[in-house]
Amino acid sequence: KVPRVGKSYGELIALGRDRMSIVL
């Protein structure tokens, strides 16, 4: 999660995409 957007991460997904992926 990202504190500045709250519990829902849906708004972090890029426009036009249905998924996001992070590898750290």
PDBML (XML) file of the C-alpha atoms, coordinates in Angstrom:
<?xml version="1.0" encoding="UTF-8" ?>
<PDBx:datablock datablockName="MODEL"
   xmlns:PDBx="http://pdbml.pdb.org/schema/pdbx-v50.xsd"
   xmlns:xsi="http://www.w3.org/2001/XMLSchema-instance"
   xsi:schemaLocation="http://pdbml.pdb.org/schema/pdbx-v50.xsd pdbx-v50.xsd">
   <PDBx:atom_siteCategory>
      <PDBx:atom_site id="1">
         <PDBx:B_iso_or_equiv>0.00</PDBx:B_iso_or_equiv>
         <PDBx:Cartn_x>0.000</PDBx:Cartn_x>
         <PDBx:Cartn_y>0.000</PDBx:Cartn_y>
         <PDBx:Cartn_z>0.000</PDBx:Cartn_z>
         <PDBx:auth_asym_id>A</PDBx:auth_asym_id>
         <PDBx:auth_atom_id>CA</PDBx:auth_atom_id>
         <PDBx:auth_comp_id>LYS</PDBx:auth_comp_id>
         <PDBx:auth_seq_id>1</PDBx:auth_seq_id>
         <PDBx:group_PDB>ATOM</PDBx:group_PDB>
         <PDBx:label_alt_id xsi:nil="true" />
         <PDBx:label_asym_id>A</PDBx:label_asym_id>
         <PDBx:label_atom_id>CA</PDBx:label_atom_id>
         <PDBx:label_comp_id>LYS</PDBx:label_comp_id>
         <PDBx:label_entity_id>1</PDBx:label_entity_id>
         <PDBx:label_seq_id>1</PDBx:label_seq_id>
         <PDBx:occupancy>1.00</PDBx:occupancy>
         <PDBx:pdbx_PDB_model_num>1</PDBx:pdbx_PDB_model_num>
         <PDBx:type_symbol>C</PDBx:type_symbol>
      </PDBx:atom_site>
      <PDBx:atom_site id="2">
         <PDBx:B_iso_or_equiv>0.00</PDBx:B_iso_or_equiv>
         <PDBx:Cartn_x>1.002</PDBx:Cartn_x>
         <PDBx:Cartn_y>3.619</PDBx:Cartn_y>
         <PDBx:Cartn_z>-0.361</PDBx:Cartn_z>
         <PDBx:auth_asym_id>A</PDBx:auth_asym_id>
         <PDBx:auth_atom_id>CA</PDBx:auth_atom_id>
         <PDBx:auth_comp_id>VAL</PDBx:auth_comp_id>
         <PDBx:auth_seq_id>2</PDBx:auth_seq_id>
         <PDBx:group_PDB>ATOM</PDBx:group_PDB>
         <PDBx:label_alt_id xsi:nil="true" />
         <PDBx:label_asym_id>A</PDBx:label_asym_id>
         <PDBx:label_atom_id>CA</PDBx:label_atom_id>
         <PDBx:label_comp_id>VAL</PDBx:label_comp_id>
         <PDBx:label_entity_id>1</PDBx:label_entity_id>
         <PDBx:label_seq_id>2</PDBx:label_seq_id>
         <PDBx:occupancy>1.00</PDBx:occupancy>
         <PDBx:pdbx_PDB_model_num>1</PDBx:pdbx_PDB_model_num>
         <PDBx:type_symbol>C</PDBx:type_symbol>
      </PDBx:atom_site>
      <PDBx:atom_site id="3">
         <PDBx:B_iso_or_equiv>0.00</PDBx:B_iso_or_equiv>
         <PDBx:Cartn_x>0.015</PDBx:Cartn_x>
         <PDBx:Cartn_y>5.851</PDBx:Cartn_y>
         <PDBx:Cartn_z>2.569</PDBx:Cartn_z>
         <PDBx:auth_asym_id>A</PDBx:auth_asym_id>
         <PDBx:auth_atom_id>CA</PDBx:auth_atom_id>
         <PDBx:auth_comp_id>PRO</PDBx:auth_comp_id>
         <PDBx:auth_seq_id>3</PDBx:auth_seq_id>
         <PDBx:group_PDB>ATOM</PDBx:group_PDB>
         <PDBx:label_alt_id xsi:nil="true" />
         <PDBx:label_asym_id>A</PDBx:label_asym_id>
         <PDBx:label_atom_id>CA</PDBx:label_atom_id>
         <PDBx:label_comp_id>PRO</PDBx:label_comp_id>
         <PDBx:label_entity_id>1</PDBx:label_entity_id>
         <PDBx:label_seq_id>3</PDBx:label_seq_id>
         <PDBx:occupancy>1.00</PDBx:occupancy>
         <PDBx:pdbx_PDB_model_num>1</PDBx:pdbx_PDB_model_num>
         <PDBx:type_symbol>C</PDBx:type_symbol>
      </PDBx:atom_site>
      <PDBx:atom_site id="4">
         <PDBx:B_iso_or_equiv>0.00</PDBx:B_iso_or_equiv>
         <PDBx:Cartn_x>-0.758</PDBx:Cartn_x>
         <PDBx:Cartn_y>8.907</PDBx:Cartn_y>
         <PDBx:Cartn_z>0.437</PDBx:Cartn_z>
         <PDBx:auth_asym_id>A</PDBx:auth_asym_id>
         <PDBx:auth_atom_id>CA</PDBx:auth_atom_id>
         <PDBx:auth_comp_id>ARG</PDBx:auth_comp_id>
         <PDBx:auth_seq_id>4</PDBx:auth_seq_id>
         <PDBx:group_PDB>ATOM</PDBx:group_PDB>
         <PDBx:label_alt_id xsi:nil="true" />
         <PDBx:label_asym_id>A</PDBx:label_asym_id>
         <PDBx:label_atom_id>CA</PDBx:label_atom_id>
         <PDBx:label_comp_id>ARG</PDBx:label_comp_id>
         <PDBx:label_entity_id>1</PDBx:label_entity_id>
         <PDBx:label_seq_id>4</PDBx:label_seq_id>
         <PDBx:occupancy>1.00</PDBx:occupancy>
         <PDBx:pdbx_PDB_model_num>1</PDBx:pdbx_PDB_model_num>
         <PDBx:type_symbol>C</PDBx:type_symbol>
      </PDBx:atom_site>
      <PDBx:atom_site id="5">
         <PDBx:B_iso_or_equiv>0.00</PDBx:B_iso_or_equiv>
         <PDBx:Cartn_x>-3.513</PDBx:Cartn_x>
         <PDBx:Cartn_y>7.062</PDBx:Cartn_y>
         <PDBx:Cartn_z>-1.454</PDBx:Cartn_z>
         <PDBx:auth_asym_id>A</PDBx:auth_asym_id>
         <PDBx:auth_atom_id>CA</PDBx:auth_atom_id>
         <PDBx:auth_comp_id>VAL</PDBx:auth_comp_id>
         <PDBx:auth_seq_id>5</PDBx:auth_seq_id>
         <PDBx:group_PDB>ATOM</PDBx:group_PDB>
         <PDBx:label_alt_id xsi:nil="true" />
         <PDBx:label_asym_id>A</PDBx:label_asym_id>
         <PDBx:label_atom_id>CA</PDBx:label_atom_id>
         <PDBx:label_comp_id>VAL</PDBx:label_comp_id>
         <PDBx:label_entity_id>1</PDBx:label_entity_id>
         <PDBx:label_seq_id>5</PDBx:label_seq_id>
         <PDBx:occupancy>1.00</PDBx:occupancy>
         <PDBx:pdbx_PDB_model_num>1</PDBx:pdbx_PDB_model_num>
         <PDBx:type_symbol>C</PDBx:type_symbol>
      </PDBx:atom_site>
      <PDBx:atom_site id="6">
         <PDBx:B_iso_or_equiv>0.00</PDBx:B_iso_or_equiv>
         <PDBx:Cartn_x>-4.999</PDBx:Cartn_x>
         <PDBx:Cartn_y>5.078</PDBx:Cartn_y>
         <PDBx:Cartn_z>1.429</PDBx:Cartn_z>
         <PDBx:auth_asym_id>A</PDBx:auth_asym_id>
         <PDBx:auth_atom_id>CA</PDBx:auth_atom_id>
         <PDBx:auth_comp_id>GLY</PDBx:auth_comp_id>
         <PDBx:auth_seq_id>6</PDBx:auth_seq_id>
         <PDBx:group_PDB>ATOM</PDBx:group_PDB>
         <PDBx:label_alt_id xsi:nil="true" />
         <PDBx:label_asym_id>A</PDBx:label_asym_id>
         <PDBx:label_atom_id>CA</PDBx:label_atom_id>
         <PDBx:label_comp_id>GLY</PDBx:label_comp_id>
         <PDBx:label_entity_id>1</PDBx:label_entity_id>
         <PDBx:label_seq_id>6</PDBx:label_seq_id>
         <PDBx:occupancy>1.00</PDBx:occupancy>
         <PDBx:pdbx_PDB_model_num>1</PDBx:pdbx_PDB_model_num>
         <PDBx:type_symbol>C</PDBx:type_symbol>
      </PDBx:atom_site>
      <PDBx:atom_site id="7">
         <PDBx:B_iso_or_equiv>0.00</PDBx:B_iso_or_equiv>
         <PDBx:Cartn_x>-5.971</PDBx:Cartn_x>
         <PDBx:Cartn_y>1.414</PDBx:Cartn_y>
         <PDBx:Cartn_z>1.367</PDBx:Cartn_z>
         <PDBx:auth_asym_id>A</PDBx:auth_asym_id>
         <PDBx:auth_atom_id>CA</PDBx:auth_atom_id>
         <PDBx:auth_comp_id>LYS</PDBx:auth_comp_id>
         <PDBx:auth_seq_id>7</PDBx:auth_seq_id>
         <PDBx:group_PDB>ATOM</PDBx:group_PDB>
         <PDBx:label_alt_id xsi:nil="true" />
         <PDBx:label_asym_id>A</PDBx:label_asym_id>
         <PDBx:label_atom_id>CA</PDBx:label_atom_id>
         <PDBx:label_comp_id>LYS</PDBx:label_comp_id>
         <PDBx:label_entity_id>1</PDBx:label_entity_id>
         <PDBx:label_seq_id>7</PDBx:label_seq_id>
         <PDBx:occupancy>1.00</PDBx:occupancy>
         <PDBx:pdbx_PDB_model_num>1</PDBx:pdbx_PDB_model_num>
         <PDBx:type_symbol>C</PDBx:type_symbol>
      </PDBx:atom_site>
      <PDBx:atom_site id="8">
         <PDBx:B_iso_or_equiv>0.00</PDBx:B_iso_or_equiv>
         <PDBx:Cartn_x>-6.966</PDBx:Cartn_x>
         <PDBx:Cartn_y>1.191</PDBx:Cartn_y>
         <PDBx:Cartn_z>-2.296</PDBx:Cartn_z>
         <PDBx:auth_asym_id>A</PDBx:auth_asym_id>
         <PDBx:auth_atom_id>CA</PDBx:auth_atom_id>
         <PDBx:auth_comp_id>SER</PDBx:auth_comp_id>
         <PDBx:auth_seq_id>8</PDBx:auth_seq_id>
         <PDBx:group_PDB>ATOM</PDBx:group_PDB>
         <PDBx:label_alt_id xsi:nil="true" />
         <PDBx:label_asym_id>A</PDBx:label_asym_id>
         <PDBx:label_atom_id>CA</PDBx:label_atom_id>
         <PDBx:label_comp_id>SER</PDBx:label_comp_id>
         <PDBx:label_entity_id>1</PDBx:label_entity_id>
         <PDBx:label_seq_id>8</PDBx:label_seq_id>
         <PDBx:occupancy>1.00</PDBx:occupancy>
         <PDBx:pdbx_PDB_model_num>1</PDBx:pdbx_PDB_model_num>
         <PDBx:type_symbol>C</PDBx:type_symbol>
      </PDBx:atom_site>
      <PDBx:atom_site id="9">
         <PDBx:B_iso_or_equiv>0.00</PDBx:B_iso_or_equiv>
         <PDBx:Cartn_x>-4.098</PDBx:Cartn_x>
         <PDBx:Cartn_y>1.001</PDBx:Cartn_y>
         <PDBx:Cartn_z>-4.752</PDBx:Cartn_z>
         <PDBx:auth_asym_id>A</PDBx:auth_asym_id>
         <PDBx:auth_atom_id>CA</PDBx:auth_atom_id>
         <PDBx:auth_comp_id>TYR</PDBx:auth_comp_id>
         <PDBx:auth_seq_id>9</PDBx:auth_seq_id>
         <PDBx:group_PDB>ATOM</PDBx:group_PDB>
         <PDBx:label_alt_id xsi:nil="true" />
         <PDBx:label_asym_id>A</PDBx:label_asym_id>
         <PDBx:label_atom_id>CA</PDBx:label_atom_id>
         <PDBx:label_comp_id>TYR</PDBx:label_comp_id>
         <PDBx:label_entity_id>1</PDBx:label_entity_id>
         <PDBx:label_seq_id>9</PDBx:label_seq_id>
         <PDBx:occupancy>1.00</PDBx:occupancy>
         <PDBx:pdbx_PDB_model_num>1</PDBx:pdbx_PDB_model_num>
         <PDBx:type_symbol>C</PDBx:type_symbol>
      </PDBx:atom_site>
      <PDBx:atom_site id="10">
         <PDBx:B_iso_or_equiv>0.00</PDBx:B_iso_or_equiv>
         <PDBx:Cartn_x>-6.332</PDBx:Cartn_x>
         <PDBx:Cartn_y>1.053</PDBx:Cartn_y>
         <PDBx:Cartn_z>-7.843</PDBx:Cartn_z>
         <PDBx:auth_asym_id>A</PDBx:auth_asym_id>
         <PDBx:auth_atom_id>CA</PDBx:auth_atom_id>
         <PDBx:auth_comp_id>GLY</PDBx:auth_comp_id>
         <PDBx:auth_seq_id>10</PDBx:auth_seq_id>
         <PDBx:group_PDB>ATOM</PDBx:group_PDB>
         <PDBx:label_alt_id xsi:nil="true" />
         <PDBx:label_asym_id>A</PDBx:label_asym_id>
         <PDBx:label_atom_id>CA</PDBx:label_atom_id>
         <PDBx:label_comp_id>GLY</PDBx:label_comp_id>
         <PDBx:label_entity_id>1</PDBx:label_entity_id>
         <PDBx:label_seq_id>10</PDBx:label_seq_id>
         <PDBx:occupancy>1.00</PDBx:occupancy>
         <PDBx:pdbx_PDB_model_num>1</PDBx:pdbx_PDB_model_num>
         <PDBx:type_symbol>C</PDBx:type_symbol>
      </PDBx:atom_site>
      <PDBx:atom_site id="11">
         <PDBx:B_iso_or_equiv>0.00</PDBx:B_iso_or_equiv>
         <PDBx:Cartn_x>-5.594</PDBx:Cartn_x>
         <PDBx:Cartn_y>4.694</PDBx:Cartn_y>
         <PDBx:Cartn_z>-8.558</PDBx:Cartn_z>
         <PDBx:auth_asym_id>A</PDBx:auth_asym_id>
         <PDBx:auth_atom_id>CA</PDBx:auth_atom_id>
         <PDBx:auth_comp_id>GLU</PDBx:auth_comp_id>
         <PDBx:auth_seq_id>11</PDBx:auth_seq_id>
         <PDBx:group_PDB>ATOM</PDBx:group_PDB>
         <PDBx:label_alt_id xsi:nil="true" />
         <PDBx:label_asym_id>A</PDBx:label_asym_id>
         <PDBx:label_atom_id>CA</PDBx:label_atom_id>
         <PDBx:label_comp_id>GLU</PDBx:label_comp_id>
         <PDBx:label_entity_id>1</PDBx:label_entity_id>
         <PDBx:label_seq_id>11</PDBx:label_seq_id>
         <PDBx:occupancy>1.00</PDBx:occupancy>
         <PDBx:pdbx_PDB_model_num>1</PDBx:pdbx_PDB_model_num>
         <PDBx:type_symbol>C</PDBx:type_symbol>
      </PDBx:atom_site>
      <PDBx:atom_site id="12">
         <PDBx:B_iso_or_equiv>0.00</PDBx:B_iso_or_equiv>
         <PDBx:Cartn_x>-1.886</PDBx:Cartn_x>
         <PDBx:Cartn_y>3.853</PDBx:Cartn_y>
         <PDBx:Cartn_z>-8.778</PDBx:Cartn_z>
         <PDBx:auth_asym_id>A</PDBx:auth_asym_id>
         <PDBx:auth_atom_id>CA</PDBx:auth_atom_id>
         <PDBx:auth_comp_id>LEU</PDBx:auth_comp_id>
         <PDBx:auth_seq_id>12</PDBx:auth_seq_id>
         <PDBx:group_PDB>ATOM</PDBx:group_PDB>
         <PDBx:label_alt_id xsi:nil="true" />
         <PDBx:label_asym_id>A</PDBx:label_asym_id>
         <PDBx:label_atom_id>CA</PDBx:label_atom_id>
         <PDBx:label_comp_id>LEU</PDBx:label_comp_id>
         <PDBx:label_entity_id>1</PDBx:label_entity_id>
         <PDBx:label_seq_id>12</PDBx:label_seq_id>
         <PDBx:occupancy>1.00</PDBx:occupancy>
         <PDBx:pdbx_PDB_model_num>1</PDBx:pdbx_PDB_model_num>
         <PDBx:type_symbol>C</PDBx:type_symbol>
      </PDBx:atom_site>
      <PDBx:atom_site id="13">
         <PDBx:B_iso_or_equiv>0.00</PDBx:B_iso_or_equiv>
         <PDBx:Cartn_x>-2.480</PDBx:Cartn_x>
         <PDBx:Cartn_y>1.647</PDBx:Cartn_y>
         <PDBx:Cartn_z>-11.825</PDBx:Cartn_z>
         <PDBx:auth_asym_id>A</PDBx:auth_asym_id>
         <PDBx:auth_atom_id>CA</PDBx:auth_atom_id>
         <PDBx:auth_comp_id>ILE</PDBx:auth_comp_id>
         <PDBx:auth_seq_id>13</PDBx:auth_seq_id>
         <PDBx:group_PDB>ATOM</PDBx:group_PDB>
         <PDBx:label_alt_id xsi:nil="true" />
         <PDBx:label_asym_id>A</PDBx:label_asym_id>
         <PDBx:label_atom_id>CA</PDBx:label_atom_id>
         <PDBx:label_comp_id>ILE</PDBx:label_comp_id>
         <PDBx:label_entity_id>1</PDBx:label_entity_id>
         <PDBx:label_seq_id>13</PDBx:label_seq_id>
         <PDBx:occupancy>1.00</PDBx:occupancy>
         <PDBx:pdbx_PDB_model_num>1</PDBx:pdbx_PDB_model_num>
         <PDBx:type_symbol>C</PDBx:type_symbol>
      </PDBx:atom_site>
      <PDBx:atom_site id="14">
         <PDBx:B_iso_or_equiv>0.00</PDBx:B_iso_or_equiv>
         <PDBx:Cartn_x>-1.582</PDBx:Cartn_x>
         <PDBx:Cartn_y>3.539</PDBx:Cartn_y>
         <PDBx:Cartn_z>-15.006</PDBx:Cartn_z>
         <PDBx:auth_asym_id>A</PDBx:auth_asym_id>
         <PDBx:auth_atom_id>CA</PDBx:auth_atom_id>
         <PDBx:auth_comp_id>ALA</PDBx:auth_comp_id>
         <PDBx:auth_seq_id>14</PDBx:auth_seq_id>
         <PDBx:group_PDB>ATOM</PDBx:group_PDB>
         <PDBx:label_alt_id xsi:nil="true" />
         <PDBx:label_asym_id>A</PDBx:label_asym_id>
         <PDBx:label_atom_id>CA</PDBx:label_atom_id>
         <PDBx:label_comp_id>ALA</PDBx:label_comp_id>
         <PDBx:label_entity_id>1</PDBx:label_entity_id>
         <PDBx:label_seq_id>14</PDBx:label_seq_id>
         <PDBx:occupancy>1.00</PDBx:occupancy>
         <PDBx:pdbx_PDB_model_num>1</PDBx:pdbx_PDB_model_num>
         <PDBx:type_symbol>C</PDBx:type_symbol>
      </PDBx:atom_site>
      <PDBx:atom_site id="15">
         <PDBx:B_iso_or_equiv>0.00</PDBx:B_iso_or_equiv>
         <PDBx:Cartn_x>-4.435</PDBx:Cartn_x>
         <PDBx:Cartn_y>4.797</PDBx:Cartn_y>
         <PDBx:Cartn_z>-17.150</PDBx:Cartn_z>
         <PDBx:auth_asym_id>A</PDBx:auth_asym_id>
         <PDBx:auth_atom_id>CA</PDBx:auth_atom_id>
         <PDBx:auth_comp_id>LEU</PDBx:auth_comp_id>
         <PDBx:auth_seq_id>15</PDBx:auth_seq_id>
         <PDBx:group_PDB>ATOM</PDBx:group_PDB>
         <PDBx:label_alt_id xsi:nil="true" />
         <PDBx:label_asym_id>A</PDBx:label_asym_id>
         <PDBx:label_atom_id>CA</PDBx:label_atom_id>
         <PDBx:label_comp_id>LEU</PDBx:label_comp_id>
         <PDBx:label_entity_id>1</PDBx:label_entity_id>
         <PDBx:label_seq_id>15</PDBx:label_seq_id>
         <PDBx:occupancy>1.00</PDBx:occupancy>
         <PDBx:pdbx_PDB_model_num>1</PDBx:pdbx_PDB_model_num>
         <PDBx:type_symbol>C</PDBx:type_symbol>
      </PDBx:atom_site>
      <PDBx:atom_site id="16">
         <PDBx:B_iso_or_equiv>0.00</PDBx:B_iso_or_equiv>
         <PDBx:Cartn_x>-5.314</PDBx:Cartn_x>
         <PDBx:Cartn_y>2.267</PDBx:Cartn_y>
         <PDBx:Cartn_z>-19.828</PDBx:Cartn_z>
         <PDBx:auth_asym_id>A</PDBx:auth_asym_id>
         <PDBx:auth_atom_id>CA</PDBx:auth_atom_id>
         <PDBx:auth_comp_id>GLY</PDBx:auth_comp_id>
         <PDBx:auth_seq_id>16</PDBx:auth_seq_id>
         <PDBx:group_PDB>ATOM</PDBx:group_PDB>
         <PDBx:label_alt_id xsi:nil="true" />
         <PDBx:label_asym_id>A</PDBx:label_asym_id>
         <PDBx:label_atom_id>CA</PDBx:label_atom_id>
         <PDBx:label_comp_id>GLY</PDBx:label_comp_id>
         <PDBx:label_entity_id>1</PDBx:label_entity_id>
         <PDBx:label_seq_id>16</PDBx:label_seq_id>
         <PDBx:occupancy>1.00</PDBx:occupancy>
         <PDBx:pdbx_PDB_model_num>1</PDBx:pdbx_PDB_model_num>
         <PDBx:type_symbol>C</PDBx:type_symbol>
      </PDBx:atom_site>
      <PDBx:atom_site id="17">
         <PDBx:B_iso_or_equiv>0.00</PDBx:B_iso_or_equiv>
         <PDBx:Cartn_x>-3.826</PDBx:Cartn_x>
         <PDBx:Cartn_y>-0.636</PDBx:Cartn_y>
         <PDBx:Cartn_z>-17.884</PDBx:Cartn_z>
         <PDBx:auth_asym_id>A</PDBx:auth_asym_id>
         <PDBx:auth_atom_id>CA</PDBx:auth_atom_id>
         <PDBx:auth_comp_id>ARG</PDBx:auth_comp_id>
         <PDBx:auth_seq_id>17</PDBx:auth_seq_id>
         <PDBx:group_PDB>ATOM</PDBx:group_PDB>
         <PDBx:label_alt_id xsi:nil="true" />
         <PDBx:label_asym_id>A</PDBx:label_asym_id>
         <PDBx:label_atom_id>CA</PDBx:label_atom_id>
         <PDBx:label_comp_id>ARG</PDBx:label_comp_id>
         <PDBx:label_entity_id>1</PDBx:label_entity_id>
         <PDBx:label_seq_id>17</PDBx:label_seq_id>
         <PDBx:occupancy>1.00</PDBx:occupancy>
         <PDBx:pdbx_PDB_model_num>1</PDBx:pdbx_PDB_model_num>
         <PDBx:type_symbol>C</PDBx:type_symbol>
      </PDBx:atom_site>
      <PDBx:atom_site id="18">
         <PDBx:B_iso_or_equiv>0.00</PDBx:B_iso_or_equiv>
         <PDBx:Cartn_x>-5.588</PDBx:Cartn_x>
         <PDBx:Cartn_y>-3.236</PDBx:Cartn_y>
         <PDBx:Cartn_z>-15.750</PDBx:Cartn_z>
         <PDBx:auth_asym_id>A</PDBx:auth_asym_id>
         <PDBx:auth_atom_id>CA</PDBx:auth_atom_id>
         <PDBx:auth_comp_id>ASP</PDBx:auth_comp_id>
         <PDBx:auth_seq_id>18</PDBx:auth_seq_id>
         <PDBx:group_PDB>ATOM</PDBx:group_PDB>
         <PDBx:label_alt_id xsi:nil="true" />
         <PDBx:label_asym_id>A</PDBx:label_asym_id>
         <PDBx:label_atom_id>CA</PDBx:label_atom_id>
         <PDBx:label_comp_id>ASP</PDBx:label_comp_id>
         <PDBx:label_entity_id>1</PDBx:label_entity_id>
         <PDBx:label_seq_id>18</PDBx:label_seq_id>
         <PDBx:occupancy>1.00</PDBx:occupancy>
         <PDBx:pdbx_PDB_model_num>1</PDBx:pdbx_PDB_model_num>
         <PDBx:type_symbol>C</PDBx:type_symbol>
      </PDBx:atom_site>
      <PDBx:atom_site id="19">
         <PDBx:B_iso_or_equiv>0.00</PDBx:B_iso_or_equiv>
         <PDBx:Cartn_x>-2.534</PDBx:Cartn_x>
         <PDBx:Cartn_y>-4.279</PDBx:Cartn_y>
         <PDBx:Cartn_z>-13.741</PDBx:Cartn_z>
         <PDBx:auth_asym_id>A</PDBx:auth_asym_id>
         <PDBx:auth_atom_id>CA</PDBx:auth_atom_id>
         <PDBx:auth_comp_id>ARG</PDBx:auth_comp_id>
         <PDBx:auth_seq_id>19</PDBx:auth_seq_id>
         <PDBx:group_PDB>ATOM</PDBx:group_PDB>
         <PDBx:label_alt_id xsi:nil="true" />
         <PDBx:label_asym_id>A</PDBx:label_asym_id>
         <PDBx:label_atom_id>CA</PDBx:label_atom_id>
         <PDBx:label_comp_id>ARG</PDBx:label_comp_id>
         <PDBx:label_entity_id>1</PDBx:label_entity_id>
         <PDBx:label_seq_id>19</PDBx:label_seq_id>
         <PDBx:occupancy>1.00</PDBx:occupancy>
         <PDBx:pdbx_PDB_model_num>1</PDBx:pdbx_PDB_model_num>
         <PDBx:type_symbol>C</PDBx:type_symbol>
      </PDBx:atom_site>
      <PDBx:atom_site id="20">
         <PDBx:B_iso_or_equiv>0.00</PDBx:B_iso_or_equiv>
         <PDBx:Cartn_x>0.727</PDBx:Cartn_x>
         <PDBx:Cartn_y>-3.013</PDBx:Cartn_y>
         <PDBx:Cartn_z>-12.307</PDBx:Cartn_z>
         <PDBx:auth_asym_id>A</PDBx:auth_asym_id>
         <PDBx:auth_atom_id>CA</PDBx:auth_atom_id>
         <PDBx:auth_comp_id>MET</PDBx:auth_comp_id>
         <PDBx:auth_seq_id>20</PDBx:auth_seq_id>
         <PDBx:group_PDB>ATOM</PDBx:group_PDB>
         <PDBx:label_alt_id xsi:nil="true" />
         <PDBx:label_asym_id>A</PDBx:label_asym_id>
         <PDBx:label_atom_id>CA</PDBx:label_atom_id>
         <PDBx:label_comp_id>MET</PDBx:label_comp_id>
         <PDBx:label_entity_id>1</PDBx:label_entity_id>
         <PDBx:label_seq_id>20</PDBx:label_seq_id>
         <PDBx:occupancy>1.00</PDBx:occupancy>
         <PDBx:pdbx_PDB_model_num>1</PDBx:pdbx_PDB_model_num>
         <PDBx:type_symbol>C</PDBx:type_symbol>
      </PDBx:atom_site>
      <PDBx:atom_site id="21">
         <PDBx:B_iso_or_equiv>0.00</PDBx:B_iso_or_equiv>
         <PDBx:Cartn_x>3.896</PDBx:Cartn_x>
         <PDBx:Cartn_y>-4.783</PDBx:Cartn_y>
         <PDBx:Cartn_z>-11.345</PDBx:Cartn_z>
         <PDBx:auth_asym_id>A</PDBx:auth_asym_id>
         <PDBx:auth_atom_id>CA</PDBx:auth_atom_id>
         <PDBx:auth_comp_id>SER</PDBx:auth_comp_id>
         <PDBx:auth_seq_id>21</PDBx:auth_seq_id>
         <PDBx:group_PDB>ATOM</PDBx:group_PDB>
         <PDBx:label_alt_id xsi:nil="true" />
         <PDBx:label_asym_id>A</PDBx:label_asym_id>
         <PDBx:label_atom_id>CA</PDBx:label_atom_id>
         <PDBx:label_comp_id>SER</PDBx:label_comp_id>
         <PDBx:label_entity_id>1</PDBx:label_entity_id>
         <PDBx:label_seq_id>21</PDBx:label_seq_id>
         <PDBx:occupancy>1.00</PDBx:occupancy>
         <PDBx:pdbx_PDB_model_num>1</PDBx:pdbx_PDB_model_num>
         <PDBx:type_symbol>C</PDBx:type_symbol>
      </PDBx:atom_site>
      <PDBx:atom_site id="22">
         <PDBx:B_iso_or_equiv>0.00</PDBx:B_iso_or_equiv>
         <PDBx:Cartn_x>6.813</PDBx:Cartn_x>
         <PDBx:Cartn_y>-3.800</PDBx:Cartn_y>
         <PDBx:Cartn_z>-9.137</PDBx:Cartn_z>
         <PDBx:auth_asym_id>A</PDBx:auth_asym_id>
         <PDBx:auth_atom_id>CA</PDBx:auth_atom_id>
         <PDBx:auth_comp_id>ILE</PDBx:auth_comp_id>
         <PDBx:auth_seq_id>22</PDBx:auth_seq_id>
         <PDBx:group_PDB>ATOM</PDBx:group_PDB>
         <PDBx:label_alt_id xsi:nil="true" />
         <PDBx:label_asym_id>A</PDBx:label_asym_id>
         <PDBx:label_atom_id>CA</PDBx:label_atom_id>
         <PDBx:label_comp_id>ILE</PDBx:label_comp_id>
         <PDBx:label_entity_id>1</PDBx:label_entity_id>
         <PDBx:label_seq_id>22</PDBx:label_seq_id>
         <PDBx:occupancy>1.00</PDBx:occupancy>
         <PDBx:pdbx_PDB_model_num>1</PDBx:pdbx_PDB_model_num>
         <PDBx:type_symbol>C</PDBx:type_symbol>
      </PDBx:atom_site>
      <PDBx:atom_site id="23">
         <PDBx:B_iso_or_equiv>0.00</PDBx:B_iso_or_equiv>
         <PDBx:Cartn_x>9.988</PDBx:Cartn_x>
         <PDBx:Cartn_y>-5.831</PDBx:Cartn_y>
         <PDBx:Cartn_z>-8.576</PDBx:Cartn_z>
         <PDBx:auth_asym_id>A</PDBx:auth_asym_id>
         <PDBx:auth_atom_id>CA</PDBx:auth_atom_id>
         <PDBx:auth_comp_id>VAL</PDBx:auth_comp_id>
         <PDBx:auth_seq_id>23</PDBx:auth_seq_id>
         <PDBx:group_PDB>ATOM</PDBx:group_PDB>
         <PDBx:label_alt_id xsi:nil="true" />
         <PDBx:label_asym_id>A</PDBx:label_asym_id>
         <PDBx:label_atom_id>CA</PDBx:label_atom_id>
         <PDBx:label_comp_id>VAL</PDBx:label_comp_id>
         <PDBx:label_entity_id>1</PDBx:label_entity_id>
         <PDBx:label_seq_id>23</PDBx:label_seq_id>
         <PDBx:occupancy>1.00</PDBx:occupancy>
         <PDBx:pdbx_PDB_model_num>1</PDBx:pdbx_PDB_model_num>
         <PDBx:type_symbol>C</PDBx:type_symbol>
      </PDBx:atom_site>
      <PDBx:atom_site id="24">
         <PDBx:B_iso_or_equiv>0.00</PDBx:B_iso_or_equiv>
         <PDBx:Cartn_x>12.376</PDBx:Cartn_x>
         <PDBx:Cartn_y>-4.588</PDBx:Cartn_y>
         <PDBx:Cartn_z>-5.905</PDBx:Cartn_z>
         <PDBx:auth_asym_id>A</PDBx:auth_asym_id>
         <PDBx:auth_atom_id>CA</PDBx:auth_atom_id>
         <PDBx:auth_comp_id>LEU</PDBx:auth_comp_id>
         <PDBx:auth_seq_id>24</PDBx:auth_seq_id>
         <PDBx:group_PDB>ATOM</PDBx:group_PDB>
         <PDBx:label_alt_id xsi:nil="true" />
         <PDBx:label_asym_id>A</PDBx:label_asym_id>
         <PDBx:label_atom_id>CA</PDBx:label_atom_id>
         <PDBx:label_comp_id>LEU</PDBx:label_comp_id>
         <PDBx:label_entity_id>1</PDBx:label_entity_id>
         <PDBx:label_seq_id>24</PDBx:label_seq_id>
         <PDBx:occupancy>1.00</PDBx:occupancy>
         <PDBx:pdbx_PDB_model_num>1</PDBx:pdbx_PDB_model_num>
         <PDBx:type_symbol>C</PDBx:type_symbol>
      </PDBx:atom_site>
   </PDBx:atom_siteCategory>
</PDBx:datablock>
